């Protein structure tokens, strides 16, 4: 294809990214994507940050793999010129909030989050106004608009510390995850007002199927993310953030685990403990495991294309960025003091 035609076609495809969510370009099937991505990192001074729920190939090319807290901490301190965020939209937004002068790209703009979408900023703003005495703690799985309405952000790794940083007499709103909020209420003895939101992945684990698995595997421990419903958490042997679950399986002597969170983490668990058995907890549908459809929109091909052509790019108004940054910075400061 002549260069002018290629440029015109590329421009058309870039303009279509907003509709499609990603750059749709056919790749040479002989291209070594792993090598090509490593070359682009050096050429563009780019860093690839990936969540544990990404597909194994993406995890294997990432410079850092982590949960929401770890990814936010890495985004804050990176010296890269371009941040390639292999995760979902709110995560890339957080990286942009902390790095206004860096280019932040996401393989697929439509990699959203059911939990984030369950809390629209205009509706939440009215909810907040009805409870003016309450301070707002928002789980990081929310939009920049919700972050801007919050006093401090938290993750599943630091939620208990964040809540306990407020005086006991201070009334609190916790948004958007009702399951994590209810779990932290139990952990801290608080009575936070909970927004009625939930993660589609963690809310559909089947208690009946998990119970049958525990009978089939009597020596297996059930480990669960606190975004799961209370019925699952009540029978769990260990509850923790994604990183907390991974670290538990590294240190615990048990040989088998039933894992109640998104299946992407099993890749790191198996790499860290190849001698152990990891069984994904089943949802209440016909699937054997529970994948996040948003996380899985990203692929190695899309990752390469977004690095090569630097699109889709995350942008936002400066006033929104500054308002959303304050509660994130507060979270990072509290986490640092807590040694997290």
C-alpha atoms as a PDB file:
ATOM      1  CA  UNK A   1       0.000   0.000   0.000  1.00  0.00           C
ATOM      2  CA  UNK A   2       1.397   3.460  -0.924  1.00  0.00           C
ATOM      3  CA  UNK A   3       2.388   5.544   2.124  1.00  0.00           C
ATOM      4  CA  UNK A   4      -0.257   8.247   1.514  1.00  0.00           C
ATOM      5  CA  UNK A   5      -2.998   5.619   1.305  1.00  0.00           C
ATOM      6  CA  UNK A   6      -1.710   3.976   4.473  1.00  0.00           C
ATOM      7  CA  UNK A   7      -1.725   7.319   6.335  1.00  0.00           C
ATOM      8  CA  UNK A   8      -5.277   8.039   5.185  1.00  0.00           C
ATOM      9  CA  UNK A   9      -6.432   4.556   6.226  1.00  0.00           C
ATOM     10  CA  UNK A  10      -4.654   4.847   9.580  1.00  0.00           C
ATOM     11  CA  UNK A  11      -6.289   8.219  10.244  1.00  0.00           C
ATOM     12  CA  UNK A  12      -9.707   6.771   9.469  1.00  0.00           C
ATOM     13  CA  UNK A  13      -9.072   3.856  11.825  1.00  0.00           C
ATOM     14  CA  UNK A  14      -7.877   6.220  14.584  1.00  0.00           C
ATOM     15  CA  UNK A  15     -11.049   8.264  14.198  1.00  0.00           C
ATOM     16  CA  UNK A  16     -13.071   5.053  14.523  1.00  0.00           C
ATOM     17  CA  UNK A  17     -11.405   4.113  17.825  1.00  0.00           C
ATOM     18  CA  UNK A  18     -14.066   5.972  19.828  1.00  0.00           C
ATOM     19  CA  UNK A  19     -16.774   3.813  18.277  1.00  0.00           C
ATOM     20  CA  UNK A  20     -14.912   0.516  18.183  1.00  0.00           C
ATOM     21  CA  UNK A  21     -12.897   0.910  21.398  1.00  0.00           C
ATOM     22  CA  UNK A  22      -9.571  -0.122  19.899  1.00  0.00           C
ATOM     23  CA  UNK A  23      -7.387   0.330  16.814  1.00  0.00           C
ATOM     24  CA  UNK A  24      -8.483  -2.266  14.255  1.00  0.00           C
ATOM     25  CA  UNK A  25      -5.436  -3.043  12.101  1.00  0.00           C
ATOM     26  CA  UNK A  26      -4.510  -6.432  10.701  1.00  0.00           C
ATOM     27  CA  UNK A  27      -1.100  -7.568  11.896  1.00  0.00           C
ATOM     28  CA  UNK A  28       1.487  -9.652  10.100  1.00  0.00           C
ATOM     29  CA  UNK A  29       0.836 -13.165  11.505  1.00  0.00           C
ATOM     30  CA  UNK A  30       4.601 -13.790  11.621  1.00  0.00           C
ATOM     31  CA  UNK A  31       5.202 -10.803  13.920  1.00  0.00           C
ATOM     32  CA  UNK A  32       6.729 -11.786  17.256  1.00  0.00           C
ATOM     33  CA  UNK A  33       4.518  -9.667  19.513  1.00  0.00           C
ATOM     34  CA  UNK A  34       6.560 -10.328  22.652  1.00  0.00           C
ATOM     35  CA  UNK A  35       9.749  -9.069  21.001  1.00  0.00           C
ATOM     36  CA  UNK A  36       7.963  -6.193  19.261  1.00  0.00           C
ATOM     37  CA  UNK A  37       6.461  -4.984  22.545  1.00  0.00           C
ATOM     38  CA  UNK A  38       9.853  -5.124  24.274  1.00  0.00           C
ATOM     39  CA  UNK A  39      11.348  -3.055  21.434  1.00  0.00           C
ATOM     40  CA  UNK A  40       8.573  -0.473  21.722  1.00  0.00           C
ATOM     41  CA  UNK A  41       9.176  -0.137  25.461  1.00  0.00           C
ATOM     42  CA  UNK A  42      12.766   0.909  24.788  1.00  0.00           C
ATOM     43  CA  UNK A  43      11.990   3.034  21.746  1.00  0.00           C
ATOM     44  CA  UNK A  44       9.213   5.018  23.455  1.00  0.00           C
ATOM     45  CA  UNK A  45      10.376   4.852  27.081  1.00  0.00           C
ATOM     46  CA  UNK A  46       7.096   3.113  27.852  1.00  0.00           C
ATOM     47  CA  UNK A  47       6.058   1.047  30.850  1.00  0.00           C
ATOM     48  CA  UNK A  48       3.390  -1.662  30.741  1.00  0.00           C
ATOM     49  CA  UNK A  49       1.282  -1.918  33.898  1.00  0.00           C
ATOM     50  CA  UNK A  50      -1.037  -4.921  34.048  1.00  0.00           C
ATOM     51  CA  UNK A  51      -3.705  -6.050  36.472  1.00  0.00           C
ATOM     52  CA  UNK A  52      -3.703  -9.623  37.765  1.00  0.00           C
ATOM     53  CA  UNK A  53      -6.939 -10.251  35.867  1.00  0.00           C
ATOM     54  CA  UNK A  54      -5.373  -9.799  32.448  1.00  0.00           C
ATOM     55  CA  UNK A  55      -4.736 -12.783  30.163  1.00  0.00           C
ATOM     56  CA  UNK A  56      -1.442 -14.656  30.836  1.00  0.00           C
ATOM     57  CA  UNK A  57       0.357 -13.328  27.722  1.00  0.00           C
ATOM     58  CA  UNK A  58      -0.223  -9.728  28.808  1.00  0.00           C
ATOM     59  CA  UNK A  59       0.924 -10.503  32.343  1.00  0.00           C
ATOM     60  CA  UNK A  60       4.094 -12.025  30.928  1.00  0.00           C
ATOM     61  CA  UNK A  61       5.051  -8.882  28.953  1.00  0.00           C
ATOM     62  CA  UNK A  62       4.175  -6.440  31.729  1.00  0.00           C
ATOM     63  CA  UNK A  63       6.810  -4.499  33.636  1.00  0.00           C
ATOM     64  CA  UNK A  64       4.626  -4.570  36.723  1.00  0.00           C
ATOM     65  CA  UNK A  65       1.684  -6.810  37.629  1.00  0.00           C
ATOM     66  CA  UNK A  66      -0.489  -5.946  40.592  1.00  0.00           C
ATOM     67  CA  UNK A  67      -3.817  -5.083  42.134  1.00  0.00           C
ATOM     68  CA  UNK A  68      -5.375  -1.627  42.219  1.00  0.00           C
ATOM     69  CA  UNK A  69      -3.235  -0.297  45.087  1.00  0.00           C
ATOM     70  CA  UNK A  70       0.041  -1.551  43.635  1.00  0.00           C
ATOM     71  CA  UNK A  71      -0.814  -0.242  40.176  1.00  0.00           C
ATOM     72  CA  UNK A  72      -1.688   3.204  41.550  1.00  0.00           C
ATOM     73  CA  UNK A  73       1.602   3.277  43.465  1.00  0.00           C
ATOM     74  CA  UNK A  74       3.561   2.290  40.351  1.00  0.00           C
ATOM     75  CA  UNK A  75       1.725   4.871  38.229  1.00  0.00           C
ATOM     76  CA  UNK A  76       2.616   7.571  40.749  1.00  0.00           C
ATOM     77  CA  UNK A  77       6.351   6.908  40.691  1.00  0.00           C
ATOM     78  CA  UNK A  78       7.082   5.783  37.121  1.00  0.00           C
ATOM     79  CA  UNK A  79       9.687   7.671  35.124  1.00  0.00           C
ATOM     80  CA  UNK A  80       8.329   6.450  31.787  1.00  0.00           C
ATOM     81  CA  UNK A  81       7.089   8.872  29.135  1.00  0.00           C
ATOM     82  CA  UNK A  82       4.168   6.621  28.200  1.00  0.00           C
ATOM     83  CA  UNK A  83       2.087   4.431  30.506  1.00  0.00           C
ATOM     84  CA  UNK A  84       0.466   1.486  28.781  1.00  0.00           C
ATOM     85  CA  UNK A  85      -2.305   0.324  31.086  1.00  0.00           C
ATOM     86  CA  UNK A  86      -3.450  -3.241  30.582  1.00  0.00           C
ATOM     87  CA  UNK A  87      -6.521  -3.164  32.749  1.00  0.00           C
ATOM     88  CA  UNK A  88      -9.852  -1.375  32.692  1.00  0.00           C
ATOM     89  CA  UNK A  89     -10.802   2.246  32.101  1.00  0.00           C
ATOM     90  CA  UNK A  90     -10.878   3.515  35.699  1.00  0.00           C
ATOM     91  CA  UNK A  91      -7.345   2.175  36.253  1.00  0.00           C
ATOM     92  CA  UNK A  92      -5.956   4.039  33.248  1.00  0.00           C
ATOM     93  CA  UNK A  93      -7.865   7.131  34.413  1.00  0.00           C
ATOM     94  CA  UNK A  94      -6.142   6.871  37.797  1.00  0.00           C
ATOM     95  CA  UNK A  95      -2.748   6.735  36.077  1.00  0.00           C
ATOM     96  CA  UNK A  96      -3.617   9.873  34.077  1.00  0.00           C
ATOM     97  CA  UNK A  97      -4.862  11.677  37.191  1.00  0.00           C
ATOM     98  CA  UNK A  98      -1.457  11.079  38.803  1.00  0.00           C
ATOM     99  CA  UNK A  99       0.547  11.777  35.630  1.00  0.00           C
ATOM    100  CA  UNK A 100      -0.954  14.708  33.686  1.00  0.00           C
ATOM    101  CA  UNK A 101       2.188  15.214  31.602  1.00  0.00           C
ATOM    102  CA  UNK A 102       2.562  11.588  30.562  1.00  0.00           C
ATOM    103  CA  UNK A 103       0.722   9.845  27.760  1.00  0.00           C
ATOM    104  CA  UNK A 104      -1.557   7.103  29.090  1.00  0.00           C
ATOM    105  CA  UNK A 105      -2.954   4.558  26.640  1.00  0.00           C
ATOM    106  CA  UNK A 106      -5.388   1.683  27.090  1.00  0.00           C
ATOM    107  CA  UNK A 107      -5.609  -1.257  24.644  1.00  0.00           C
ATOM    108  CA  UNK A 108      -9.416  -1.101  24.504  1.00  0.00           C
ATOM    109  CA  UNK A 109     -11.471   1.919  25.614  1.00  0.00           C
ATOM    110  CA  UNK A 110     -14.496  -0.309  26.115  1.00  0.00           C
ATOM    111  CA  UNK A 111     -12.727  -2.241  28.873  1.00  0.00           C
ATOM    112  CA  UNK A 112     -15.008  -0.798  31.512  1.00  0.00           C
ATOM    113  CA  UNK A 113     -16.134  -1.998  34.935  1.00  0.00           C
ATOM    114  CA  UNK A 114     -19.592  -3.080  36.063  1.00  0.00           C
ATOM    115  CA  UNK A 115     -18.883  -1.816  39.584  1.00  0.00           C
ATOM    116  CA  UNK A 116     -17.789   1.610  38.365  1.00  0.00           C
ATOM    117  CA  UNK A 117     -20.816   1.836  36.088  1.00  0.00           C
ATOM    118  CA  UNK A 118     -23.143   1.047  39.007  1.00  0.00           C
ATOM    119  CA  UNK A 119     -22.362   4.454  40.506  1.00  0.00           C
ATOM    120  CA  UNK A 120     -23.159   7.359  38.111  1.00  0.00           C
ATOM    121  CA  UNK A 121     -21.650  10.648  39.428  1.00  0.00           C
ATOM    122  CA  UNK A 122     -24.831  12.778  39.047  1.00  0.00           C
ATOM    123  CA  UNK A 123     -26.905  10.253  41.025  1.00  0.00           C
ATOM    124  CA  UNK A 124     -24.209   9.785  43.649  1.00  0.00           C
ATOM    125  CA  UNK A 125     -23.859  13.566  44.036  1.00  0.00           C
ATOM    126  CA  UNK A 126     -27.527  13.792  45.064  1.00  0.00           C
ATOM    127  CA  UNK A 127     -27.057  10.858  47.458  1.00  0.00           C
ATOM    128  CA  UNK A 128     -24.101  12.644  49.036  1.00  0.00           C
ATOM    129  CA  UNK A 129     -26.051  15.910  49.354  1.00  0.00           C
ATOM    130  CA  UNK A 130     -28.764  14.104  51.329  1.00  0.00           C
ATOM    131  CA  UNK A 131     -26.089  13.066  53.876  1.00  0.00           C
ATOM    132  CA  UNK A 132     -24.032  16.260  54.337  1.00  0.00           C
ATOM    133  CA  UNK A 133     -22.442  15.203  57.635  1.00  0.00           C
ATOM    134  CA  UNK A 134     -20.861  12.118  56.050  1.00  0.00           C
ATOM    135  CA  UNK A 135     -17.335  11.892  54.681  1.00  0.00           C
ATOM    136  CA  UNK A 136     -17.029   9.813  51.509  1.00  0.00           C
ATOM    137  CA  UNK A 137     -14.681   6.855  51.095  1.00  0.00           C
ATOM    138  CA  UNK A 138     -14.780   5.496  47.562  1.00  0.00           C
ATOM    139  CA  UNK A 139     -13.317   2.215  46.402  1.00  0.00           C
ATOM    140  CA  UNK A 140     -10.827   2.854  43.603  1.00  0.00           C
ATOM    141  CA  UNK A 141     -13.078   0.888  41.214  1.00  0.00           C
ATOM    142  CA  UNK A 142     -14.981   4.046  40.285  1.00  0.00           C
ATOM    143  CA  UNK A 143     -14.884   6.820  37.703  1.00  0.00           C
ATOM    144  CA  UNK A 144     -12.921  10.049  37.969  1.00  0.00           C
ATOM    145  CA  UNK A 145     -16.264  11.760  38.559  1.00  0.00           C
ATOM    146  CA  UNK A 146     -16.880   9.703  41.712  1.00  0.00           C
ATOM    147  CA  UNK A 147     -13.307  10.192  42.878  1.00  0.00           C
ATOM    148  CA  UNK A 148     -13.820  13.954  42.572  1.00  0.00           C
ATOM    149  CA  UNK A 149     -16.814  13.673  44.937  1.00  0.00           C
ATOM    150  CA  UNK A 150     -14.833  11.676  47.518  1.00  0.00           C
ATOM    151  CA  UNK A 151     -12.778  12.602  50.570  1.00  0.00           C
ATOM    152  CA  UNK A 152     -10.431   9.650  50.189  1.00  0.00           C
ATOM    153  CA  UNK A 153     -10.045   6.607  47.924  1.00  0.00           C
ATOM    154  CA  UNK A 154      -9.344   3.067  49.109  1.00  0.00           C
ATOM    155  CA  UNK A 155      -8.547  -0.346  47.657  1.00  0.00           C
ATOM    156  CA  UNK A 156      -9.330  -3.784  49.042  1.00  0.00           C
ATOM    157  CA  UNK A 157      -5.727  -3.869  50.318  1.00  0.00           C
ATOM    158  CA  UNK A 158      -6.006  -0.731  52.426  1.00  0.00           C
ATOM    159  CA  UNK A 159      -9.749  -0.208  53.020  1.00  0.00           C
ATOM    160  CA  UNK A 160      -9.573  -1.146  56.711  1.00  0.00           C
ATOM    161  CA  UNK A 161      -6.711   1.319  57.316  1.00  0.00           C
ATOM    162  CA  UNK A 162      -8.472   4.085  55.398  1.00  0.00           C
ATOM    163  CA  UNK A 163     -11.707   3.651  57.356  1.00  0.00           C
ATOM    164  CA  UNK A 164      -9.861   3.557  60.665  1.00  0.00           C
ATOM    165  CA  UNK A 165      -8.060   6.800  59.803  1.00  0.00           C
ATOM    166  CA  UNK A 166     -11.365   8.596  60.523  1.00  0.00           C
ATOM    167  CA  UNK A 167     -12.594   9.181  64.109  1.00  0.00           C
ATOM    168  CA  UNK A 168     -15.212   6.635  65.181  1.00  0.00           C
ATOM    169  CA  UNK A 169     -17.798   9.363  65.616  1.00  0.00           C
ATOM    170  CA  UNK A 170     -17.389  10.525  62.007  1.00  0.00           C
ATOM    171  CA  UNK A 171     -20.282   9.235  59.848  1.00  0.00           C
ATOM    172  CA  UNK A 172     -19.061   7.697  56.595  1.00  0.00           C
ATOM    173  CA  UNK A 173     -20.395   6.833  53.163  1.00  0.00           C
ATOM    174  CA  UNK A 174     -18.720   3.900  51.417  1.00  0.00           C
ATOM    175  CA  UNK A 175     -19.095   3.606  47.648  1.00  0.00           C
ATOM    176  CA  UNK A 176     -19.589   1.915  45.277  1.00  0.00           C
ATOM    177  CA  UNK A 177     -19.146  -1.721  46.449  1.00  0.00           C
ATOM    178  CA  UNK A 178     -21.718  -2.799  49.042  1.00  0.00           C
ATOM    179  CA  UNK A 179     -20.040  -6.178  49.622  1.00  0.00           C
ATOM    180  CA  UNK A 180     -16.604  -4.748  50.381  1.00  0.00           C
ATOM    181  CA  UNK A 181     -18.251  -2.022  52.474  1.00  0.00           C
ATOM    182  CA  UNK A 182     -20.220  -4.571  54.507  1.00  0.00           C
ATOM    183  CA  UNK A 183     -17.068  -6.644  55.052  1.00  0.00           C
ATOM    184  CA  UNK A 184     -15.129  -3.577  56.260  1.00  0.00           C
ATOM    185  CA  UNK A 185     -18.028  -2.625  58.540  1.00  0.00           C
ATOM    186  CA  UNK A 186     -17.631  -6.025  60.209  1.00  0.00           C
ATOM    187  CA  UNK A 187     -13.858  -5.671  60.395  1.00  0.00           C
ATOM    188  CA  UNK A 188     -13.953  -2.211  61.967  1.00  0.00           C
ATOM    189  CA  UNK A 189     -17.231  -2.198  63.897  1.00  0.00           C
ATOM    190  CA  UNK A 190     -18.429   0.768  61.848  1.00  0.00           C
ATOM    191  CA  UNK A 191     -21.863   1.396  60.429  1.00  0.00           C
ATOM    192  CA  UNK A 192     -20.957   3.072  57.158  1.00  0.00           C
ATOM    193  CA  UNK A 193     -23.724   4.060  54.797  1.00  0.00           C
ATOM    194  CA  UNK A 194     -23.257   1.802  51.754  1.00  0.00           C
ATOM    195  CA  UNK A 195     -23.921   2.621  48.120  1.00  0.00           C
ATOM    196  CA  UNK A 196     -25.778  -0.250  46.453  1.00  0.00           C
ATOM    197  CA  UNK A 197     -23.167  -1.300  43.879  1.00  0.00           C
ATOM    198  CA  UNK A 198     -21.428  -4.607  43.167  1.00  0.00           C
ATOM    199  CA  UNK A 199     -18.943  -6.310  40.838  1.00  0.00           C
ATOM    200  CA  UNK A 200     -20.599  -8.626  38.316  1.00  0.00           C
ATOM    201  CA  UNK A 201     -17.730 -11.114  38.637  1.00  0.00           C
ATOM    202  CA  UNK A 202     -17.657 -11.400  42.413  1.00  0.00           C
ATOM    203  CA  UNK A 203     -21.421 -11.298  42.926  1.00  0.00           C
ATOM    204  CA  UNK A 204     -22.285 -14.376  40.881  1.00  0.00           C
ATOM    205  CA  UNK A 205     -20.210 -17.023  42.632  1.00  0.00           C
ATOM    206  CA  UNK A 206     -22.455 -19.972  43.434  1.00  0.00           C
ATOM    207  CA  UNK A 207     -22.523 -20.899  47.118  1.00  0.00           C
ATOM    208  CA  UNK A 208     -24.077 -24.251  46.235  1.00  0.00           C
ATOM    209  CA  UNK A 209     -21.394 -25.134  43.662  1.00  0.00           C
ATOM    210  CA  UNK A 210     -18.588 -23.948  45.955  1.00  0.00           C
ATOM    211  CA  UNK A 211     -19.975 -26.091  48.770  1.00  0.00           C
ATOM    212  CA  UNK A 212     -19.996 -29.112  46.453  1.00  0.00           C
ATOM    213  CA  UNK A 213     -16.395 -28.349  45.466  1.00  0.00           C
ATOM    214  CA  UNK A 214     -15.378 -28.208  49.120  1.00  0.00           C
ATOM    215  CA  UNK A 215     -16.956 -31.658  49.637  1.00  0.00           C
ATOM    216  CA  UNK A 216     -15.143 -32.981  46.555  1.00  0.00           C
ATOM    217  CA  UNK A 217     -11.853 -31.421  47.709  1.00  0.00           C
ATOM    218  CA  UNK A 218     -11.976 -31.697  51.533  1.00  0.00           C
ATOM    219  CA  UNK A 219      -8.355 -30.574  51.968  1.00  0.00           C
ATOM    220  CA  UNK A 220      -8.733 -27.463  49.813  1.00  0.00           C
ATOM    221  CA  UNK A 221      -9.001 -24.037  51.408  1.00  0.00           C
ATOM    222  CA  UNK A 222     -11.506 -21.542  50.053  1.00  0.00           C
ATOM    223  CA  UNK A 223      -9.887 -18.145  49.576  1.00  0.00           C
ATOM    224  CA  UNK A 224     -12.068 -15.202  48.579  1.00  0.00           C
ATOM    225  CA  UNK A 225     -11.913 -11.540  47.587  1.00  0.00           C
ATOM    226  CA  UNK A 226     -13.949  -9.238  49.876  1.00  0.00           C
ATOM    227  CA  UNK A 227     -16.033  -8.104  46.881  1.00  0.00           C
ATOM    228  CA  UNK A 228     -17.767 -11.506  47.108  1.00  0.00           C
ATOM    229  CA  UNK A 229     -21.175 -11.752  48.742  1.00  0.00           C
ATOM    230  CA  UNK A 230     -21.365 -12.378  52.479  1.00  0.00           C
ATOM    231  CA  UNK A 231     -22.628 -15.956  52.047  1.00  0.00           C
ATOM    232  CA  UNK A 232     -19.348 -16.872  50.301  1.00  0.00           C
ATOM    233  CA  UNK A 233     -17.174 -14.884  52.698  1.00  0.00           C
ATOM    234  CA  UNK A 234     -18.734 -16.651  55.705  1.00  0.00           C
ATOM    235  CA  UNK A 235     -17.396 -20.034  54.563  1.00  0.00           C
ATOM    236  CA  UNK A 236     -14.003 -18.754  53.337  1.00  0.00           C
ATOM    237  CA  UNK A 237     -10.805 -19.869  55.043  1.00  0.00           C
ATOM    238  CA  UNK A 238      -9.056 -16.655  54.033  1.00  0.00           C
ATOM    239  CA  UNK A 239     -10.320 -13.291  52.744  1.00  0.00           C
ATOM    240  CA  UNK A 240      -8.011 -10.789  51.094  1.00  0.00           C
ATOM    241  CA  UNK A 241      -7.219  -8.469  48.214  1.00  0.00           C
ATOM    242  CA  UNK A 242      -5.933  -9.992  44.992  1.00  0.00           C
ATOM    243  CA  UNK A 243      -2.347  -9.505  46.156  1.00  0.00           C
ATOM    244  CA  UNK A 244      -3.332 -10.766  49.609  1.00  0.00           C
ATOM    245  CA  UNK A 245      -4.737 -13.971  48.115  1.00  0.00           C
ATOM    246  CA  UNK A 246      -1.598 -14.514  46.046  1.00  0.00           C
ATOM    247  CA  UNK A 247       0.710 -13.963  49.017  1.00  0.00           C
ATOM    248  CA  UNK A 248      -1.387 -16.280  51.189  1.00  0.00           C
ATOM    249  CA  UNK A 249      -1.001 -19.159  48.705  1.00  0.00           C
ATOM    250  CA  UNK A 250       2.765 -18.608  48.649  1.00  0.00           C
ATOM    251  CA  UNK A 251       3.151 -18.859  52.425  1.00  0.00           C
ATOM    252  CA  UNK A 252       0.366 -21.245  53.422  1.00  0.00           C
ATOM    253  CA  UNK A 253       1.320 -24.963  53.487  1.00  0.00           C
ATOM    254  CA  UNK A 254      -1.991 -26.165  52.023  1.00  0.00           C
ATOM    255  CA  UNK A 255      -1.682 -27.959  48.668  1.00  0.00           C
ATOM    256  CA  UNK A 256      -5.126 -27.120  47.217  1.00  0.00           C
ATOM    257  CA  UNK A 257      -7.148 -23.906  46.968  1.00  0.00           C
ATOM    258  CA  UNK A 258     -10.580 -22.973  45.693  1.00  0.00           C
ATOM    259  CA  UNK A 259     -10.143 -19.395  44.479  1.00  0.00           C
ATOM    260  CA  UNK A 260     -13.156 -17.045  44.591  1.00  0.00           C
ATOM    261  CA  UNK A 261     -12.023 -14.136  42.466  1.00  0.00           C
ATOM    262  CA  UNK A 262     -11.395 -13.466  38.762  1.00  0.00           C
ATOM    263  CA  UNK A 263      -9.448 -16.328  37.175  1.00  0.00           C
ATOM    264  CA  UNK A 264      -6.583 -14.190  35.853  1.00  0.00           C
ATOM    265  CA  UNK A 265      -4.830 -14.392  39.230  1.00  0.00           C
ATOM    266  CA  UNK A 266      -4.445 -18.170  38.864  1.00  0.00           C
ATOM    267  CA  UNK A 267      -1.637 -17.583  36.342  1.00  0.00           C
ATOM    268  CA  UNK A 268       0.522 -15.904  38.994  1.00  0.00           C
ATOM    269  CA  UNK A 269      -0.492 -18.419  41.664  1.00  0.00           C
ATOM    270  CA  UNK A 270       0.567 -21.334  39.472  1.00  0.00           C
ATOM    271  CA  UNK A 271       3.850 -19.615  38.561  1.00  0.00           C
ATOM    272  CA  UNK A 272       4.645 -18.947  42.216  1.00  0.00           C
ATOM    273  CA  UNK A 273       3.554 -22.386  43.488  1.00  0.00           C
ATOM    274  CA  UNK A 274       3.641 -24.901  40.610  1.00  0.00           C
ATOM    275  CA  UNK A 275       3.364 -27.820  43.021  1.00  0.00           C
ATOM    276  CA  UNK A 276      -0.036 -26.643  44.287  1.00  0.00           C
ATOM    277  CA  UNK A 277      -3.535 -27.048  42.835  1.00  0.00           C
ATOM    278  CA  UNK A 278      -5.737 -24.004  42.180  1.00  0.00           C
ATOM    279  CA  UNK A 279      -9.414 -24.504  41.424  1.00  0.00           C
ATOM    280  CA  UNK A 280     -11.484 -21.555  40.166  1.00  0.00           C
ATOM    281  CA  UNK A 281     -14.671 -21.073  42.166  1.00  0.00           C
ATOM    282  CA  UNK A 282     -17.686 -21.570  39.854  1.00  0.00           C
ATOM    283  CA  UNK A 283     -20.361 -18.938  39.171  1.00  0.00           C
ATOM    284  CA  UNK A 284     -24.112 -19.575  39.177  1.00  0.00           C
ATOM    285  CA  UNK A 285     -24.237 -20.132  35.414  1.00  0.00           C
ATOM    286  CA  UNK A 286     -23.040 -22.867  33.063  1.00  0.00           C
ATOM    287  CA  UNK A 287     -19.386 -21.696  33.106  1.00  0.00           C
ATOM    288  CA  UNK A 288     -16.739 -23.597  35.040  1.00  0.00           C
ATOM    289  CA  UNK A 289     -14.893 -20.413  36.022  1.00  0.00           C
ATOM    290  CA  UNK A 290     -15.542 -16.696  36.362  1.00  0.00           C
ATOM    291  CA  UNK A 291     -13.863 -14.291  33.920  1.00  0.00           C
ATOM    292  CA  UNK A 292     -14.338 -10.527  33.797  1.00  0.00           C
ATOM    293  CA  UNK A 293     -15.556  -9.766  30.257  1.00  0.00           C
ATOM    294  CA  UNK A 294     -14.198  -6.213  30.508  1.00  0.00           C
ATOM    295  CA  UNK A 295     -10.679  -7.239  31.535  1.00  0.00           C
ATOM    296  CA  UNK A 296     -10.624  -9.857  28.818  1.00  0.00           C
ATOM    297  CA  UNK A 297     -11.367  -7.288  26.079  1.00  0.00           C
ATOM    298  CA  UNK A 298      -7.644  -6.508  26.113  1.00  0.00           C
ATOM    299  CA  UNK A 299      -5.365  -8.756  24.070  1.00  0.00           C
ATOM    300  CA  UNK A 300      -1.681  -8.920  23.213  1.00  0.00           C
ATOM    301  CA  UNK A 301      -2.477  -7.664  19.687  1.00  0.00           C
ATOM    302  CA  UNK A 302      -4.391  -4.648  20.995  1.00  0.00           C
ATOM    303  CA  UNK A 303      -1.606  -3.961  23.492  1.00  0.00           C
ATOM    304  CA  UNK A 304       0.973  -3.870  20.713  1.00  0.00           C
ATOM    305  CA  UNK A 305      -1.176  -1.633  18.498  1.00  0.00           C
ATOM    306  CA  UNK A 306      -1.903   0.884  21.252  1.00  0.00           C
ATOM    307  CA  UNK A 307       1.840   1.130  21.957  1.00  0.00           C
ATOM    308  CA  UNK A 308       2.818   1.422  18.294  1.00  0.00           C
ATOM    309  CA  UNK A 309       0.207   4.067  17.390  1.00  0.00           C
ATOM    310  CA  UNK A 310      -0.261   5.572  20.892  1.00  0.00           C
ATOM    311  CA  UNK A 311      -4.032   5.280  20.858  1.00  0.00           C
ATOM    312  CA  UNK A 312      -6.596   5.002  22.463  1.00  0.00           C
ATOM    313  CA  UNK A 313      -5.305   7.747  24.769  1.00  0.00           C
ATOM    314  CA  UNK A 314      -6.839   8.697  28.110  1.00  0.00           C
ATOM    315  CA  UNK A 315      -7.645  12.402  28.430  1.00  0.00           C
ATOM    316  CA  UNK A 316      -9.717  14.463  30.877  1.00  0.00           C
ATOM    317  CA  UNK A 317     -10.482  18.034  31.859  1.00  0.00           C
ATOM    318  CA  UNK A 318      -7.893  19.536  34.207  1.00  0.00           C
ATOM    319  CA  UNK A 319     -10.491  20.640  36.765  1.00  0.00           C
ATOM    320  CA  UNK A 320     -11.796  17.075  37.041  1.00  0.00           C
ATOM    321  CA  UNK A 321      -8.270  15.662  37.234  1.00  0.00           C
ATOM    322  CA  UNK A 322      -7.291  17.969  40.096  1.00  0.00           C
ATOM    323  CA  UNK A 323     -10.491  17.235  42.048  1.00  0.00           C
ATOM    324  CA  UNK A 324     -10.021  13.481  41.579  1.00  0.00           C
ATOM    325  CA  UNK A 325      -6.329  13.617  42.482  1.00  0.00           C
ATOM    326  CA  UNK A 326      -6.788  14.886  46.065  1.00  0.00           C
ATOM    327  CA  UNK A 327      -8.482  11.748  47.486  1.00  0.00           C
ATOM    328  CA  UNK A 328      -6.056   9.466  45.624  1.00  0.00           C
ATOM    329  CA  UNK A 329      -3.041  11.287  47.060  1.00  0.00           C
ATOM    330  CA  UNK A 330      -4.606  11.069  50.515  1.00  0.00           C
ATOM    331  CA  UNK A 331      -5.000   7.301  50.054  1.00  0.00           C
ATOM    332  CA  UNK A 332      -1.383   6.895  48.983  1.00  0.00           C
ATOM    333  CA  UNK A 333      -0.186   8.917  51.995  1.00  0.00           C
ATOM    334  CA  UNK A 334      -2.224   6.821  54.455  1.00  0.00           C
ATOM    335  CA  UNK A 335      -1.024   3.605  52.793  1.00  0.00           C
ATOM    336  CA  UNK A 336       2.588   4.708  53.066  1.00  0.00           C
ATOM    337  CA  UNK A 337       2.190   5.470  56.776  1.00  0.00           C
ATOM    338  CA  UNK A 338       0.580   2.058  57.265  1.00  0.00           C
ATOM    339  CA  UNK A 339       3.518   0.377  55.534  1.00  0.00           C
ATOM    340  CA  UNK A 340       1.418  -0.906  52.644  1.00  0.00           C
END
